PDB file of N, CA and C in Angstrom:
ATOM      1  N   MET A   1      90.393  44.943 202.562  1.00  0.00           N
ATOM      2  CA  MET A   1      90.055  46.321 202.820  1.00  0.00           C
ATOM      3  C   MET A   1      88.575  46.411 203.147  1.00  0.00           C
ATOM      4  N   LYS A   2      88.281  46.943 204.309  1.00  0.00           N
ATOM      5  CA  LYS A   2      86.891  47.120 204.697  1.00  0.00           C
ATOM      6  C   LYS A   2      86.379  48.441 204.140  1.00  0.00           C
ATOM      7  N   CYS A   3      85.157  48.440 203.705  1.00  0.00           N
ATOM      8  CA  CYS A   3      84.562  49.659 203.148  1.00  0.00           C
ATOM      9  C   CYS A   3      83.419  50.099 204.056  1.00  0.00           C
ATOM     10  N   ASP A   4      83.777  50.598 205.236  1.00  0.00           N
ATOM     11  CA  ASP A   4      82.775  51.093 206.161  1.00  0.00           C
ATOM     12  C   ASP A   4      82.935  52.608 206.309  1.00  0.00           C
ATOM     13  N   ILE A   5      82.138  53.209 207.155  1.00  0.00           N
ATOM     14  CA  ILE A   5      82.143  54.668 207.284  1.00  0.00           C
ATOM     15  C   ILE A   5      83.485  55.174 207.822  1.00  0.00           C
ATOM     16  N   LYS A   6      84.108  54.412 208.715  1.00  0.00           N
ATOM     17  CA  LYS A   6      85.399  54.816 209.277  1.00  0.00           C
ATOM     18  C   LYS A   6      86.473  54.868 208.187  1.00  0.00           C
ATOM     19  N   THR A   7      86.500  53.872 207.327  1.00  0.00           N
ATOM     20  CA  THR A   7      87.468  53.839 206.232  1.00  0.00           C
ATOM     21  C   THR A   7      87.207  54.963 205.238  1.00  0.00           C
ATOM     22  N   MET A   8      85.935  55.221 204.959  1.00  0.00           N
ATOM     23  CA  MET A   8      85.593  56.303 204.030  1.00  0.00           C
ATOM     24  C   MET A   8      86.013  57.661 204.593  1.00  0.00           C
ATOM     25  N   LEU A   9      85.830  57.862 205.899  1.00  0.00           N
ATOM     26  CA  LEU A   9      86.245  59.123 206.512  1.00  0.00           C
ATOM     27  C   LEU A   9      87.764  59.283 206.485  1.00  0.00           C
ATOM     28  N   LYS A  10      88.478  58.196 206.751  1.00  0.00           N
ATOM     29  CA  LYS A  10      89.940  58.252 206.681  1.00  0.00           C
ATOM     30  C   LYS A  10      90.412  58.604 205.273  1.00  0.00           C
ATOM     31  N   ALA A  11      89.821  57.959 204.282  1.00  0.00           N
ATOM     32  CA  ALA A  11      90.203  58.239 202.894  1.00  0.00           C
ATOM     33  C   ALA A  11      89.849  59.674 202.521  1.00  0.00           C
ATOM     34  N   GLY A  12      88.710  60.167 202.982  1.00  0.00           N
ATOM     35  CA  GLY A  12      88.324  61.550 202.716  1.00  0.00           C
ATOM     36  C   GLY A  12      89.278  62.539 203.357  1.00  0.00           C
ATOM     37  N   LEU A  13      89.716  62.248 204.577  1.00  0.00           N
ATOM     38  CA  LEU A  13      90.684  63.129 205.240  1.00  0.00           C
ATOM     39  C   LEU A  13      92.030  63.113 204.522  1.00  0.00           C
ATOM     40  N   TRP A  14      92.452  61.928 204.062  1.00  0.00           N
ATOM     41  CA  TRP A  14      93.714  61.848 203.310  1.00  0.00           C
ATOM     42  C   TRP A  14      93.611  62.619 201.998  1.00  0.00           C
ATOM     43  N   LEU A  15      92.474  62.523 201.335  1.00  0.00           N
ATOM     44  CA  LEU A  15      92.280  63.267 200.089  1.00  0.00           C
ATOM     45  C   LEU A  15      92.265  64.772 200.351  1.00  0.00           C
ATOM     46  N   ALA A  16      91.631  65.187 201.454  1.00  0.00           N
ATOM     47  CA  ALA A  16      91.612  66.610 201.802  1.00  0.00           C
ATOM     48  C   ALA A  16      93.030  67.100 202.108  1.00  0.00           C
ATOM     49  N   ALA A  17      93.806  66.290 202.801  1.00  0.00           N
ATOM     50  CA  ALA A  17      95.195  66.660 203.086  1.00  0.00           C
ATOM     51  C   ALA A  17      96.011  66.750 201.799  1.00  0.00           C
ATOM     52  N   LEU A  18      95.772  65.826 200.894  1.00  0.00           N
ATOM     53  CA  LEU A  18      96.490  65.839 199.618  1.00  0.00           C
ATOM     54  C   LEU A  18      96.124  67.085 198.795  1.00  0.00           C
ATOM     55  N   VAL A  19      94.848  67.407 198.738  1.00  0.00           N
ATOM     56  CA  VAL A  19      94.403  68.593 197.995  1.00  0.00           C
ATOM     57  C   VAL A  19      94.989  69.851 198.636  1.00  0.00           C
ATOM     58  N   THR A  20      95.005  69.909 199.964  1.00  0.00           N
ATOM     59  CA  THR A  20      95.576  71.058 200.657  1.00  0.00           C
ATOM     60  C   THR A  20      97.074  71.181 200.374  1.00  0.00           C
ATOM     61  N   GLY A  21      97.769  70.056 200.402  1.00  0.00           N
ATOM     62  CA  GLY A  21      99.200  70.066 200.113  1.00  0.00           C
ATOM     63  C   GLY A  21      99.504  70.530 198.703  1.00  0.00           C
ATOM     64  N   VAL A  22      98.744  70.039 197.738  1.00  0.00           N
ATOM     65  CA  VAL A  22      98.948  70.461 196.345  1.00  0.00           C
ATOM     66  C   VAL A  22      98.603  71.944 196.196  1.00  0.00           C
ATOM     67  N   TYR A  23      97.587  72.397 196.891  1.00  0.00           N
ATOM     68  CA  TYR A  23      97.182  73.809 196.838  1.00  0.00           C
ATOM     69  C   TYR A  23      98.303  74.713 197.341  1.00  0.00           C
ATOM     70  N   VAL A  24      98.974  74.289 198.414  1.00  0.00           N
ATOM     71  CA  VAL A  24     100.043  75.098 198.999  1.00  0.00           C
ATOM     72  C   VAL A  24     101.316  75.029 198.164  1.00  0.00           C
ATOM     73  N   VAL A  25     101.674  73.844 197.691  1.00  0.00           N
ATOM     74  CA  VAL A  25     102.950  73.649 197.002  1.00  0.00           C
ATOM     75  C   VAL A  25     102.931  74.181 195.565  1.00  0.00           C
ATOM     76  N   PHE A  26     101.814  74.022 194.883  1.00  0.00           N
ATOM     77  CA  PHE A  26     101.728  74.430 193.472  1.00  0.00           C
ATOM     78  C   PHE A  26     100.716  75.570 193.302  1.00  0.00           C
ATOM     79  N   PRO A  27     101.131  76.800 193.536  1.00  0.00           N
ATOM     80  CA  PRO A  27     100.177  77.919 193.431  1.00  0.00           C
ATOM     81  C   PRO A  27      99.653  78.134 192.013  1.00  0.00           C
ATOM     82  N   SER A  28     100.407  77.715 191.022  1.00  0.00           N
ATOM     83  CA  SER A  28      99.957  77.931 189.646  1.00  0.00           C
ATOM     84  C   SER A  28      98.782  77.032 189.268  1.00  0.00           C
ATOM     85  N   SER A  29      98.598  75.947 189.979  1.00  0.00           N
ATOM     86  CA  SER A  29      97.513  75.028 189.631  1.00  0.00           C
ATOM     87  C   SER A  29      96.322  75.126 190.582  1.00  0.00           C
ATOM     88  N   ARG A  30      96.232  76.202 191.349  1.00  0.00           N
ATOM     89  CA  ARG A  30      95.143  76.354 192.330  1.00  0.00           C
ATOM     90  C   ARG A  30      93.770  76.420 191.663  1.00  0.00           C
ATOM     91  N   GLU A  31      93.679  77.110 190.573  1.00  0.00           N
ATOM     92  CA  GLU A  31      92.388  77.254 189.893  1.00  0.00           C
ATOM     93  C   GLU A  31      91.891  75.901 189.381  1.00  0.00           C
ATOM     94  N   TRP A  32      92.781  75.150 188.765  1.00  0.00           N
ATOM     95  CA  TRP A  32      92.425  73.816 188.265  1.00  0.00           C
ATOM     96  C   TRP A  32      92.055  72.879 189.417  1.00  0.00           C
ATOM     97  N   LEU A  33      92.832  72.957 190.500  1.00  0.00           N
ATOM     98  CA  LEU A  33      92.595  72.086 191.650  1.00  0.00           C
ATOM     99  C   LEU A  33      91.240  72.367 192.298  1.00  0.00           C
ATOM    100  N   MET A  34      90.876  73.631 192.419  1.00  0.00           N
ATOM    101  CA  MET A  34      89.586  73.970 193.017  1.00  0.00           C
ATOM    102  C   MET A  34      88.423  73.531 192.119  1.00  0.00           C
ATOM    103  N   GLY A  35      88.658  73.467 190.834  1.00  0.00           N
ATOM    104  CA  GLY A  35      87.618  72.986 189.921  1.00  0.00           C
ATOM    105  C   GLY A  35      87.468  71.472 189.933  1.00  0.00           C
ATOM    106  N   VAL A  36      88.565  70.767 190.162  1.00  0.00           N
ATOM    107  CA  VAL A  36      88.572  69.306 190.089  1.00  0.00           C
ATOM    108  C   VAL A  36      88.295  68.636 191.441  1.00  0.00           C
ATOM    109  N   SER A  37      88.651  69.290 192.537  1.00  0.00           N
ATOM    110  CA  SER A  37      88.557  68.643 193.849  1.00  0.00           C
ATOM    111  C   SER A  37      87.140  68.166 194.216  1.00  0.00           C
ATOM    112  N   PRO A  38      86.051  68.877 193.896  1.00  0.00           N
ATOM    113  CA  PRO A  38      84.729  68.312 194.220  1.00  0.00           C
ATOM    114  C   PRO A  38      84.466  66.983 193.497  1.00  0.00           C
ATOM    115  N   PHE A  39      84.946  66.870 192.273  1.00  0.00           N
ATOM    116  CA  PHE A  39      84.766  65.615 191.543  1.00  0.00           C
ATOM    117  C   PHE A  39      85.601  64.491 192.144  1.00  0.00           C
ATOM    118  N   LEU A  40      86.780  64.837 192.668  1.00  0.00           N
ATOM    119  CA  LEU A  40      87.605  63.824 193.337  1.00  0.00           C
ATOM    120  C   LEU A  40      86.892  63.268 194.560  1.00  0.00           C
ATOM    121  N   PHE A  41      86.244  64.165 195.323  1.00  0.00           N
ATOM    122  CA  PHE A  41      85.518  63.693 196.497  1.00  0.00           C
ATOM    123  C   PHE A  41      84.292  62.865 196.105  1.00  0.00           C
ATOM    124  N   LEU A  42      83.662  63.205 194.980  1.00  0.00           N
ATOM    125  CA  LEU A  42      82.529  62.397 194.513  1.00  0.00           C
ATOM    126  C   LEU A  42      82.984  61.030 194.001  1.00  0.00           C
ATOM    127  N   LEU A  43      84.181  60.974 193.444  1.00  0.00           N
ATOM    128  CA  LEU A  43      84.713  59.709 192.947  1.00  0.00           C
ATOM    129  C   LEU A  43      85.326  58.850 194.043  1.00  0.00           C
ATOM    130  N   LEU A  44      85.421  59.387 195.247  1.00  0.00           N
ATOM    131  CA  LEU A  44      86.057  58.655 196.340  1.00  0.00           C
ATOM    132  C   LEU A  44      85.355  57.323 196.622  1.00  0.00           C
ATOM    133  N   CYS A  45      84.057  57.314 196.698  1.00  0.00           N
ATOM    134  CA  CYS A  45      83.321  56.084 197.001  1.00  0.00           C
ATOM    135  C   CYS A  45      83.462  55.036 195.900  1.00  0.00           C
ATOM    136  N   PRO A  46      83.227  55.366 194.632  1.00  0.00           N
ATOM    137  CA  PRO A  46      83.387  54.338 193.595  1.00  0.00           C
ATOM    138  C   PRO A  46      84.827  53.825 193.476  1.00  0.00           C
ATOM    139  N   LEU A  47      85.803  54.717 193.653  1.00  0.00           N
ATOM    140  CA  LEU A  47      87.195  54.268 193.576  1.00  0.00           C
ATOM    141  C   LEU A  47      87.543  53.320 194.719  1.00  0.00           C
ATOM    142  N   MET A  48      87.056  53.628 195.921  1.00  0.00           N
ATOM    143  CA  MET A  48      87.313  52.728 197.045  1.00  0.00           C
ATOM    144  C   MET A  48      86.639  51.374 196.813  1.00  0.00           C
ATOM    145  N   MET A  49      85.458  51.382 196.249  1.00  0.00           N
ATOM    146  CA  MET A  49      84.769  50.125 195.945  1.00  0.00           C
ATOM    147  C   MET A  49      85.561  49.322 194.917  1.00  0.00           C
ATOM    148  N   LEU A  50      86.091  49.993 193.912  1.00  0.00           N
ATOM    149  CA  LEU A  50      86.887  49.325 192.895  1.00  0.00           C
ATOM    150  C   LEU A  50      88.137  48.689 193.508  1.00  0.00           C
ATOM    151  N   PHE A  51      88.858  49.440 194.345  1.00  0.00           N
ATOM    152  CA  PHE A  51      90.054  48.898 194.987  1.00  0.00           C
ATOM    153  C   PHE A  51      89.713  47.755 195.934  1.00  0.00           C
ATOM    154  N   MET A  52      88.578  47.860 196.636  1.00  0.00           N
ATOM    155  CA  MET A  52      88.165  46.809 197.550  1.00  0.00           C
ATOM    156  C   MET A  52      87.860  45.527 196.771  1.00  0.00           C
ATOM    157  N   MET A  53      87.161  45.651 195.659  1.00  0.00           N
ATOM    158  CA  MET A  53      86.826  44.464 194.871  1.00  0.00           C
ATOM    159  C   MET A  53      88.083  43.845 194.269  1.00  0.00           C
ATOM    160  N   LYS A  54      89.036  44.669 193.866  1.00  0.00           N
ATOM    161  CA  LYS A  54      90.298  44.168 193.322  1.00  0.00           C
ATOM    162  C   LYS A  54      91.079  43.412 194.393  1.00  0.00           C
ATOM    163  N   SER A  55      91.094  43.932 195.612  1.00  0.00           N
ATOM    164  CA  SER A  55      91.808  43.237 196.681  1.00  0.00           C
ATOM    165  C   SER A  55      91.109  41.937 197.055  1.00  0.00           C
ATOM    166  N   MET A  56      89.792  41.891 196.937  1.00  0.00           N
ATOM    167  CA  MET A  56      89.077  40.645 197.218  1.00  0.00           C
ATOM    168  C   MET A  56      89.398  39.592 196.165  1.00  0.00           C
ATOM    169  N   GLN A  57      89.564  39.995 194.917  1.00  0.00           N
ATOM    170  CA  GLN A  57      89.919  39.047 193.869  1.00  0.00           C
ATOM    171  C   GLN A  57      91.316  38.492 194.095  1.00  0.00           C
ATOM    172  N   SER A  58      92.240  39.331 194.553  1.00  0.00           N
ATOM    173  CA  SER A  58      93.595  38.842 194.793  1.00  0.00           C
ATOM    174  C   SER A  58      93.607  37.858 195.962  1.00  0.00           C
ATOM    175  N   CYS A  59      92.715  38.031 196.928  1.00  0.00           N
ATOM    176  CA  CYS A  59      92.620  37.067 198.031  1.00  0.00           C
ATOM    177  C   CYS A  59      92.130  35.716 197.527  1.00  0.00           C
ATOM    178  N   HIS A  60      91.192  35.730 196.586  1.00  0.00           N
ATOM    179  CA  HIS A  60      90.678  34.477 196.040  1.00  0.00           C
ATOM    180  C   HIS A  60      91.745  33.737 195.249  1.00  0.00           C
ATOM    181  N   THR A  61      92.555  34.440 194.501  1.00  0.00           N
ATOM    182  CA  THR A  61      93.595  33.765 193.723  1.00  0.00           C
ATOM    183  C   THR A  61      94.654  33.187 194.645  1.00  0.00           C
ATOM    184  N   ASP A  62      94.951  33.846 195.766  1.00  0.00           N
ATOM    185  CA  ASP A  62      95.904  33.296 196.728  1.00  0.00           C
ATOM    186  C   ASP A  62      95.367  32.024 197.366  1.00  0.00           C
ATOM    187  N   SER A  63      94.088  32.010 197.727  1.00  0.00           N
ATOM    188  CA  SER A  63      93.517  30.823 198.359  1.00  0.00           C
ATOM    189  C   SER A  63      93.410  29.667 197.368  1.00  0.00           C
ATOM    190  N   GLU A  64      93.150  29.987 196.079  1.00  0.00           N
ATOM    191  CA  GLU A  64      93.095  28.925 195.073  1.00  0.00           C
ATOM    192  C   GLU A  64      94.461  28.287 194.879  1.00  0.00           C
ATOM    193  N   LYS A  65      95.520  29.076 194.963  1.00  0.00           N
ATOM    194  CA  LYS A  65      96.871  28.531 194.847  1.00  0.00           C
ATOM    195  C   LYS A  65      97.169  27.618 196.028  1.00  0.00           C
ATOM    196  N   ASN A  66      96.755  28.015 197.224  1.00  0.00           N
ATOM    197  CA  ASN A  66      96.996  27.186 198.410  1.00  0.00           C
ATOM    198  C   ASN A  66      96.224  25.875 198.335  1.00  0.00           C
ATOM    199  N   GLU A  67      95.000  25.912 197.817  1.00  0.00           N
ATOM    200  CA  GLU A  67      94.209  24.699 197.686  1.00  0.00           C
ATOM    201  C   GLU A  67      94.828  23.760 196.657  1.00  0.00           C
ATOM    202  N   ALA A  68      95.410  24.310 195.620  1.00  0.00           N
ATOM    203  CA  ALA A  68      96.024  23.485 194.587  1.00  0.00           C
ATOM    204  C   ALA A  68      97.258  22.765 195.119  1.00  0.00           C
ATOM    205  N   THR A  69      97.976  23.374 196.026  1.00  0.00           N
ATOM    206  CA  THR A  69      99.170  22.717 196.578  1.00  0.00           C
ATOM    207  C   THR A  69      98.796  21.627 197.565  1.00  0.00           C
ATOM    208  N   HIS A  70      97.603  21.664 198.120  1.00  0.00           N
ATOM    209  CA  HIS A  70      97.166  20.661 199.083  1.00  0.00           C
ATOM    210  C   HIS A  70      96.191  19.657 198.454  1.00  0.00           C
ATOM    211  N   SER A  71      96.405  19.330 197.220  1.00  0.00           N
ATOM    212  CA  SER A  71      95.504  18.411 196.540  1.00  0.00           C
ATOM    213  C   SER A  71      95.832  16.962 196.937  1.00  0.00           C
ATOM    214  N   TYR A  72      94.925  16.087 196.653  1.00  0.00           N
ATOM    215  CA  TYR A  72      95.051  14.676 196.993  1.00  0.00           C
ATOM    216  C   TYR A  72      96.026  14.001 196.045  1.00  0.00           C
ATOM    217  N   ASN A  73      96.947  13.238 196.619  1.00  0.00           N
ATOM    218  CA  ASN A  73      97.933  12.518 195.838  1.00  0.00           C
ATOM    219  C   ASN A  73      97.856  11.034 196.227  1.00  0.00           C
ATOM    220  N   PRO A  74      97.358  10.151 195.357  1.00  0.00           N
ATOM    221  CA  PRO A  74      97.191   8.747 195.705  1.00  0.00           C
ATOM    222  C   PRO A  74      98.514   8.040 196.000  1.00  0.00           C
ATOM    223  N   ALA A  75      99.594   8.436 195.348  1.00  0.00           N
ATOM    224  CA  ALA A  75     100.887   7.789 195.595  1.00  0.00           C
ATOM    225  C   ALA A  75     101.347   8.039 197.025  1.00  0.00           C
ATOM    226  N   GLN A  76     101.161   9.232 197.509  1.00  0.00           N
ATOM    227  CA  GLN A  76     101.531   9.526 198.892  1.00  0.00           C
ATOM    228  C   GLN A  76     100.634   8.767 199.853  1.00  0.00           C
ATOM    229  N   ASP A  77      99.378   8.603 199.501  1.00  0.00           N
ATOM    230  CA  ASP A  77      98.450   7.867 200.343  1.00  0.00           C
ATOM    231  C   ASP A  77      98.893   6.407 200.486  1.00  0.00           C
ATOM    232  N   GLU A  78      99.306   5.796 199.388  1.00  0.00           N
ATOM    233  CA  GLU A  78      99.787   4.416 199.429  1.00  0.00           C
ATOM    234  C   GLU A  78     101.048   4.301 200.274  1.00  0.00           C
ATOM    235  N   GLN A  79     101.948   5.248 200.167  1.00  0.00           N
ATOM    236  CA  GLN A  79     103.176   5.223 200.958  1.00  0.00           C
ATOM    237  C   GLN A  79     102.867   5.326 202.441  1.00  0.00           C
ATOM    238  N   LEU A  80     101.919   6.164 202.793  1.00  0.00           N
ATOM    239  CA  LEU A  80     101.546   6.295 204.196  1.00  0.00           C
ATOM    240  C   LEU A  80     100.907   5.011 204.719  1.00  0.00           C
ATOM    241  N   LYS A  81     100.082   4.366 203.911  1.00  0.00           N
ATOM    242  CA  LYS A  81      99.467   3.102 204.329  1.00  0.00           C
ATOM    243  C   LYS A  81     100.534   2.041 204.576  1.00  0.00           C
ATOM    244  N   ARG A  82     101.558   1.980 203.721  1.00  0.00           N
ATOM    245  CA  ARG A  82     102.627   1.002 203.906  1.00  0.00           C
ATOM    246  C   ARG A  82     103.416   1.276 205.185  1.00  0.00           C
ATOM    247  N   LYS A  83     103.679   2.539 205.484  1.00  0.00           N
ATOM    248  CA  LYS A  83     104.400   2.881 206.704  1.00  0.00           C
ATOM    249  C   LYS A  83     103.606   2.501 207.940  1.00  0.00           C
ATOM    250  N   ILE A  84     102.300   2.691 207.882  1.00  0.00           N
ATOM    251  CA  ILE A  84     101.456   2.378 209.032  1.00  0.00           C
ATOM    252  C   ILE A  84     101.372   0.872 209.244  1.00  0.00           C
ATOM    253  N   GLU A  85     101.353   0.058 208.175  1.00  0.00           N
ATOM    254  CA  GLU A  85     101.259  -1.396 208.297  1.00  0.00           C
ATOM    255  C   GLU A  85     102.498  -1.981 208.958  1.00  0.00           C
ATOM    256  N   PHE A  86     103.668  -1.381 208.756  1.00  0.00           N
ATOM    257  CA  PHE A  86     104.889  -1.935 209.338  1.00  0.00           C
ATOM    258  C   PHE A  86     105.071  -1.490 210.709  1.00  0.00           C
TER     259      PHE A  86
END
């Protein structure tokens, strides 16, 4: 996940659409929503950073698993040397 201005604007527009949808669908919670929505927009940047860092950690664990499967095996090396000699 890239955390650039384009991604931040997209996330902000999605949050605005979500707040608008909740405002229209749940009229009883309009007062609470109008009080909380500015804080949601302020939390948008730190939350995106948190999700971005979490996704970067999951990429590292995937690459570590791939490196572990491609480790050096001396027995296979000996078998390959024997095949090449014949």
